Amino acid sequence: MPKIQWTNLPSAFCLTDMALPYYNARMKTLTVRLPEAVVAQIEAESRGRKLSKSDVVRERLSVAAGTSRRRHVLLDAIADLVGSVDGLPADLSARKKAYLKTTGYGQKRGR
């Protein structure tokens, strides 16, 4: 079998040439300013896992998006309990200060 000379191959066979069109076609660039502590964490994780910083940030963003979905699932789980306490006003969330004032909450007690 003949030995392949990599220097004689056209540039289409070079992996680095293939990466640029892949990222440009499927991903947008976003510049974000982060605190130094967060950057240090991302860089350390990147080195430890041998991934690019971009991959680490993408994973963190996808995990964060999953937690908001999880909150909706948790809210759906307790939706039947919301508003089930008897004796409270229907607009308690909008007028909580007025309600607490009528109950005497937060006022100094006599000794």
N, C-alpha and C. Protein backbone atom coordinates (compact mmCIF):
# COMPACT_ATOMS: atom_id res chain seq x y z
N MET A 1 0.85 -1.17 0.00
CA MET A 1 0.00 0.00 0.00
C MET A 1 0.90 1.24 0.00
N PRO A 2 0.60 2.22 -0.89
CA PRO A 2 1.45 3.41 -0.96
C PRO A 2 1.24 4.31 0.26
N LYS A 3 2.29 4.97 0.65
CA LYS A 3 2.23 5.90 1.78
C LYS A 3 1.63 7.22 1.31
N ILE A 4 0.69 7.79 2.11
CA ILE A 4 0.03 9.05 1.75
C ILE A 4 0.89 10.21 2.19
N GLN A 5 1.12 11.12 1.28
CA GLN A 5 1.84 12.34 1.61
C GLN A 5 0.81 13.41 1.94
N TRP A 6 0.68 13.79 3.21
CA TRP A 6 -0.33 14.75 3.64
C TRP A 6 -0.10 16.13 3.04
N THR A 7 1.12 16.45 2.71
CA THR A 7 1.39 17.77 2.14
C THR A 7 0.90 17.89 0.72
N ASN A 8 0.66 16.77 0.04
CA ASN A 8 0.20 16.80 -1.35
C ASN A 8 -1.32 16.79 -1.48
N LEU A 9 -2.03 16.62 -0.36
CA LEU A 9 -3.48 16.55 -0.43
C LEU A 9 -4.06 17.96 -0.56
N PRO A 10 -5.21 18.08 -1.23
CA PRO A 10 -5.86 19.38 -1.30
C PRO A 10 -6.32 19.82 0.09
N SER A 11 -6.57 21.10 0.25
CA SER A 11 -6.91 21.64 1.57
C SER A 11 -8.24 21.12 2.09
N ALA A 12 -9.10 20.53 1.24
CA ALA A 12 -10.39 20.00 1.69
C ALA A 12 -10.20 18.86 2.68
N PHE A 13 -9.04 18.23 2.67
CA PHE A 13 -8.79 17.12 3.57
C PHE A 13 -8.24 17.58 4.92
N CYS A 14 -7.98 18.82 5.08
CA CYS A 14 -7.43 19.34 6.32
C CYS A 14 -8.58 19.58 7.31
N LEU A 15 -8.48 19.03 8.51
CA LEU A 15 -9.56 19.14 9.48
C LEU A 15 -9.77 20.58 9.94
N THR A 16 -8.70 21.35 10.04
CA THR A 16 -8.88 22.73 10.49
C THR A 16 -9.63 23.55 9.46
N ASP A 17 -9.48 23.25 8.19
CA ASP A 17 -10.24 23.96 7.16
C ASP A 17 -11.72 23.58 7.21
N MET A 18 -12.00 22.37 7.67
CA MET A 18 -13.39 21.93 7.74
C MET A 18 -14.09 22.51 8.96
N ALA A 19 -13.36 22.84 10.02
CA ALA A 19 -13.98 23.33 11.26
C ALA A 19 -14.57 24.72 11.06
N LEU A 20 -13.89 25.57 10.34
CA LEU A 20 -14.36 26.94 10.17
C LEU A 20 -15.73 27.01 9.50
N PRO A 21 -15.97 26.34 8.37
CA PRO A 21 -17.31 26.39 7.78
C PRO A 21 -18.36 25.75 8.68
N TYR A 22 -18.00 24.73 9.44
CA TYR A 22 -18.95 24.07 10.33
C TYR A 22 -19.46 25.05 11.38
N TYR A 23 -18.57 25.75 12.05
CA TYR A 23 -18.97 26.68 13.10
C TYR A 23 -19.67 27.91 12.52
N ASN A 24 -19.23 28.39 11.40
CA ASN A 24 -19.86 29.56 10.81
C ASN A 24 -21.27 29.25 10.30
N ALA A 25 -21.49 28.04 9.83
CA ALA A 25 -22.78 27.69 9.26
C ALA A 25 -23.83 27.41 10.33
N ARG A 26 -23.42 26.87 11.47
CA ARG A 26 -24.40 26.42 12.45
C ARG A 26 -24.45 27.24 13.73
N MET A 27 -23.45 28.07 13.98
CA MET A 27 -23.41 28.78 15.25
C MET A 27 -23.13 30.26 15.04
N LYS A 28 -23.69 31.05 15.91
CA LYS A 28 -23.46 32.49 15.92
C LYS A 28 -22.45 32.81 17.00
N THR A 29 -21.76 33.91 16.87
CA THR A 29 -20.80 34.35 17.87
C THR A 29 -21.46 35.36 18.80
N LEU A 30 -21.19 35.21 20.10
CA LEU A 30 -21.73 36.10 21.11
C LEU A 30 -20.59 36.47 22.05
N THR A 31 -20.38 37.74 22.26
CA THR A 31 -19.35 38.20 23.17
C THR A 31 -19.99 38.57 24.49
N VAL A 32 -19.46 38.00 25.57
CA VAL A 32 -20.01 38.23 26.90
C VAL A 32 -18.88 38.58 27.85
N ARG A 33 -19.09 39.57 28.70
CA ARG A 33 -18.11 39.93 29.72
C ARG A 33 -18.50 39.24 31.01
N LEU A 34 -17.53 38.50 31.58
CA LEU A 34 -17.77 37.73 32.79
C LEU A 34 -16.80 38.16 33.89
N PRO A 35 -17.19 37.97 35.15
CA PRO A 35 -16.26 38.25 36.24
C PRO A 35 -15.06 37.30 36.18
N GLU A 36 -13.94 37.75 36.70
CA GLU A 36 -12.71 36.96 36.63
C GLU A 36 -12.87 35.60 37.29
N ALA A 37 -13.63 35.54 38.38
CA ALA A 37 -13.81 34.27 39.08
C ALA A 37 -14.52 33.24 38.19
N VAL A 38 -15.53 33.68 37.45
CA VAL A 38 -16.27 32.77 36.56
C VAL A 38 -15.37 32.32 35.41
N VAL A 39 -14.60 33.24 34.87
CA VAL A 39 -13.67 32.89 33.78
C VAL A 39 -12.65 31.88 34.27
N ALA A 40 -12.15 32.07 35.48
CA ALA A 40 -11.17 31.13 36.04
C ALA A 40 -11.78 29.74 36.21
N GLN A 41 -13.04 29.67 36.66
CA GLN A 41 -13.72 28.38 36.79
C GLN A 41 -13.88 27.70 35.44
N ILE A 42 -14.28 28.48 34.45
CA ILE A 42 -14.48 27.91 33.11
C ILE A 42 -13.16 27.43 32.53
N GLU A 43 -12.10 28.21 32.69
CA GLU A 43 -10.79 27.81 32.18
C GLU A 43 -10.28 26.55 32.89
N ALA A 44 -10.47 26.47 34.21
CA ALA A 44 -10.03 25.29 34.95
C ALA A 44 -10.80 24.05 34.52
N GLU A 45 -12.10 24.20 34.36
CA GLU A 45 -12.91 23.07 33.91
C GLU A 45 -12.52 22.66 32.49
N SER A 46 -12.24 23.65 31.67
CA SER A 46 -11.83 23.39 30.29
C SER A 46 -10.54 22.58 30.24
N ARG A 47 -9.57 23.00 31.05
CA ARG A 47 -8.30 22.26 31.09
C ARG A 47 -8.49 20.87 31.67
N GLY A 48 -9.26 20.77 32.75
CA GLY A 48 -9.45 19.49 33.41
C GLY A 48 -10.17 18.47 32.55
N ARG A 49 -11.15 18.91 31.81
CA ARG A 49 -11.94 18.01 30.96
C ARG A 49 -11.43 17.93 29.54
N LYS A 50 -10.40 18.72 29.23
CA LYS A 50 -9.80 18.76 27.89
C LYS A 50 -10.85 19.10 26.83
N LEU A 51 -11.64 20.14 27.13
CA LEU A 51 -12.64 20.66 26.21
C LEU A 51 -12.32 22.13 25.96
N SER A 52 -12.90 22.67 24.92
CA SER A 52 -12.72 24.10 24.69
C SER A 52 -13.58 24.88 25.68
N LYS A 53 -13.21 26.12 25.92
CA LYS A 53 -13.99 26.98 26.80
C LYS A 53 -15.40 27.16 26.25
N SER A 54 -15.51 27.24 24.94
CA SER A 54 -16.83 27.38 24.32
C SER A 54 -17.72 26.19 24.62
N ASP A 55 -17.15 24.99 24.59
CA ASP A 55 -17.95 23.79 24.90
C ASP A 55 -18.43 23.81 26.34
N VAL A 56 -17.55 24.24 27.26
CA VAL A 56 -17.92 24.30 28.67
C VAL A 56 -19.06 25.31 28.86
N VAL A 57 -18.94 26.48 28.23
CA VAL A 57 -19.98 27.50 28.36
C VAL A 57 -21.29 27.00 27.76
N ARG A 58 -21.24 26.34 26.60
CA ARG A 58 -22.45 25.79 25.98
C ARG A 58 -23.13 24.80 26.91
N GLU A 59 -22.34 23.91 27.55
CA GLU A 59 -22.91 22.94 28.47
C GLU A 59 -23.57 23.63 29.66
N ARG A 60 -22.89 24.64 30.21
CA ARG A 60 -23.45 25.36 31.35
C ARG A 60 -24.75 26.06 30.98
N LEU A 61 -24.80 26.64 29.79
CA LEU A 61 -26.02 27.31 29.36
C LEU A 61 -27.16 26.32 29.15
N SER A 62 -26.86 25.16 28.60
CA SER A 62 -27.91 24.18 28.38
C SER A 62 -28.41 23.61 29.71
N VAL A 63 -27.52 23.47 30.70
CA VAL A 63 -27.96 23.02 32.02
C VAL A 63 -28.84 24.08 32.67
N ALA A 64 -28.46 25.35 32.53
CA ALA A 64 -29.26 26.44 33.10
C ALA A 64 -30.64 26.49 32.45
N ALA A 65 -30.71 26.24 31.17
CA ALA A 65 -32.01 26.22 30.48
C ALA A 65 -32.86 25.06 30.98
N GLY A 66 -32.23 23.95 31.31
CA GLY A 66 -32.95 22.79 31.84
C GLY A 66 -33.52 23.05 33.22
N THR A 67 -32.84 23.86 34.05
CA THR A 67 -33.36 24.13 35.39
C THR A 67 -34.63 24.98 35.33
N SER A 68 -34.73 25.88 34.37
CA SER A 68 -35.97 26.66 34.26
C SER A 68 -37.11 25.76 33.83
N ARG A 69 -36.83 24.79 32.99
CA ARG A 69 -37.87 23.83 32.59
C ARG A 69 -38.29 23.00 33.80
N ARG A 70 -37.31 22.65 34.65
CA ARG A 70 -37.59 21.85 35.83
C ARG A 70 -38.51 22.62 36.79
N ARG A 71 -38.31 23.94 36.89
CA ARG A 71 -39.17 24.76 37.75
C ARG A 71 -40.62 24.69 37.29
N HIS A 72 -40.83 24.70 35.97
CA HIS A 72 -42.19 24.61 35.45
C HIS A 72 -42.81 23.27 35.79
N VAL A 73 -42.00 22.22 35.74
CA VAL A 73 -42.50 20.89 36.08
C VAL A 73 -42.88 20.85 37.55
N LEU A 74 -42.05 21.44 38.42
CA LEU A 74 -42.36 21.47 39.84
C LEU A 74 -43.61 22.28 40.12
N LEU A 75 -43.78 23.40 39.44
CA LEU A 75 -44.98 24.20 39.61
C LEU A 75 -46.22 23.42 39.16
N ASP A 76 -46.10 22.69 38.08
CA ASP A 76 -47.22 21.86 37.63
C ASP A 76 -47.57 20.79 38.66
N ALA A 77 -46.56 20.30 39.38
CA ALA A 77 -46.80 19.26 40.37
C ALA A 77 -47.60 19.76 41.56
N ILE A 78 -47.45 21.06 41.90
CA ILE A 78 -48.18 21.60 43.06
C ILE A 78 -49.30 22.55 42.66
N ALA A 79 -49.61 22.61 41.40
CA ALA A 79 -50.62 23.57 40.91
C ALA A 79 -51.98 23.37 41.58
N ASP A 80 -52.32 22.14 41.93
CA ASP A 80 -53.61 21.90 42.56
C ASP A 80 -53.65 22.42 44.00
N LEU A 81 -52.49 22.68 44.61
CA LEU A 81 -52.44 23.18 45.98
C LEU A 81 -52.47 24.70 46.05
N VAL A 82 -52.15 25.37 44.96
CA VAL A 82 -52.11 26.83 44.95
C VAL A 82 -53.50 27.38 45.19
N GLY A 83 -53.62 28.23 46.21
CA GLY A 83 -54.91 28.83 46.53
C GLY A 83 -55.82 27.93 47.34
N SER A 84 -55.31 26.85 47.89
CA SER A 84 -56.16 25.90 48.60
C SER A 84 -56.30 26.19 50.08
N VAL A 85 -55.66 27.23 50.61
CA VAL A 85 -55.78 27.57 52.03
C VAL A 85 -57.01 28.43 52.22
N ASP A 86 -57.91 27.99 53.09
CA ASP A 86 -59.15 28.72 53.34
C ASP A 86 -58.91 29.92 54.26
N GLY A 87 -59.71 30.95 54.09
CA GLY A 87 -59.69 32.08 54.99
C GLY A 87 -58.74 33.20 54.61
N LEU A 88 -58.04 33.06 53.50
CA LEU A 88 -57.13 34.12 53.05
C LEU A 88 -57.78 34.90 51.91
N PRO A 89 -57.44 36.18 51.78
CA PRO A 89 -58.02 36.97 50.69
C PRO A 89 -57.53 36.48 49.33
N ALA A 90 -58.35 36.65 48.31
CA ALA A 90 -58.02 36.18 46.97
C ALA A 90 -56.86 36.97 46.37
N ASP A 91 -56.70 38.23 46.78
CA ASP A 91 -55.65 39.07 46.20
C ASP A 91 -54.45 39.21 47.15
N LEU A 92 -54.16 38.18 47.91
CA LEU A 92 -53.09 38.25 48.91
C LEU A 92 -51.73 38.55 48.30
N SER A 93 -51.44 38.00 47.16
CA SER A 93 -50.12 38.23 46.56
C SER A 93 -49.94 39.69 46.14
N ALA A 94 -51.02 40.35 45.77
CA ALA A 94 -50.93 41.74 45.34
C ALA A 94 -50.99 42.71 46.51
N ARG A 95 -51.64 42.31 47.60
CA ARG A 95 -51.83 43.23 48.73
C ARG A 95 -51.31 42.64 50.04
N LYS A 96 -50.14 42.02 49.98
CA LYS A 96 -49.63 41.34 51.17
C LYS A 96 -49.31 42.30 52.30
N LYS A 97 -48.80 43.50 51.99
CA LYS A 97 -48.47 44.47 53.05
C LYS A 97 -49.73 44.91 53.79
N ALA A 98 -50.79 45.18 53.06
CA ALA A 98 -52.05 45.59 53.69
C ALA A 98 -52.60 44.47 54.56
N TYR A 99 -52.52 43.23 54.07
CA TYR A 99 -53.01 42.10 54.85
C TYR A 99 -52.19 41.92 56.12
N LEU A 100 -50.87 42.00 56.02
CA LEU A 100 -50.02 41.83 57.19
C LEU A 100 -50.25 42.94 58.21
N LYS A 101 -50.51 44.15 57.72
CA LYS A 101 -50.78 45.27 58.62
C LYS A 101 -52.08 45.03 59.41
N THR A 102 -53.10 44.48 58.75
CA THR A 102 -54.37 44.22 59.45
C THR A 102 -54.23 43.11 60.48
N THR A 103 -53.29 42.20 60.27
CA THR A 103 -53.10 41.11 61.24
C THR A 103 -52.17 41.51 62.38
N GLY A 104 -51.50 42.67 62.25
CA GLY A 104 -50.60 43.11 63.30
C GLY A 104 -49.19 42.57 63.15
N TYR A 105 -48.91 41.94 62.06
CA TYR A 105 -47.58 41.38 61.84
C TYR A 105 -46.54 42.49 61.71
N GLY A 106 -45.42 42.36 62.39
CA GLY A 106 -44.34 43.32 62.29
C GLY A 106 -44.44 44.48 63.23
N GLN A 107 -45.49 44.57 64.01
CA GLN A 107 -45.62 45.67 64.97
C GLN A 107 -45.04 45.27 66.31
N LYS A 108 -44.55 46.25 67.04
CA LYS A 108 -43.97 45.95 68.35
C LYS A 108 -45.06 45.51 69.32
N ARG A 109 -44.72 44.53 70.10
CA ARG A 109 -45.65 44.01 71.09
C ARG A 109 -45.40 44.67 72.43
N GLY A 110 -46.43 44.82 73.20
CA GLY A 110 -46.27 45.35 74.56
C GLY A 110 -45.65 44.31 75.47
N ARG A 111 -44.91 44.81 76.46
CA ARG A 111 -44.25 43.88 77.39
C ARG A 111 -45.00 43.71 78.65
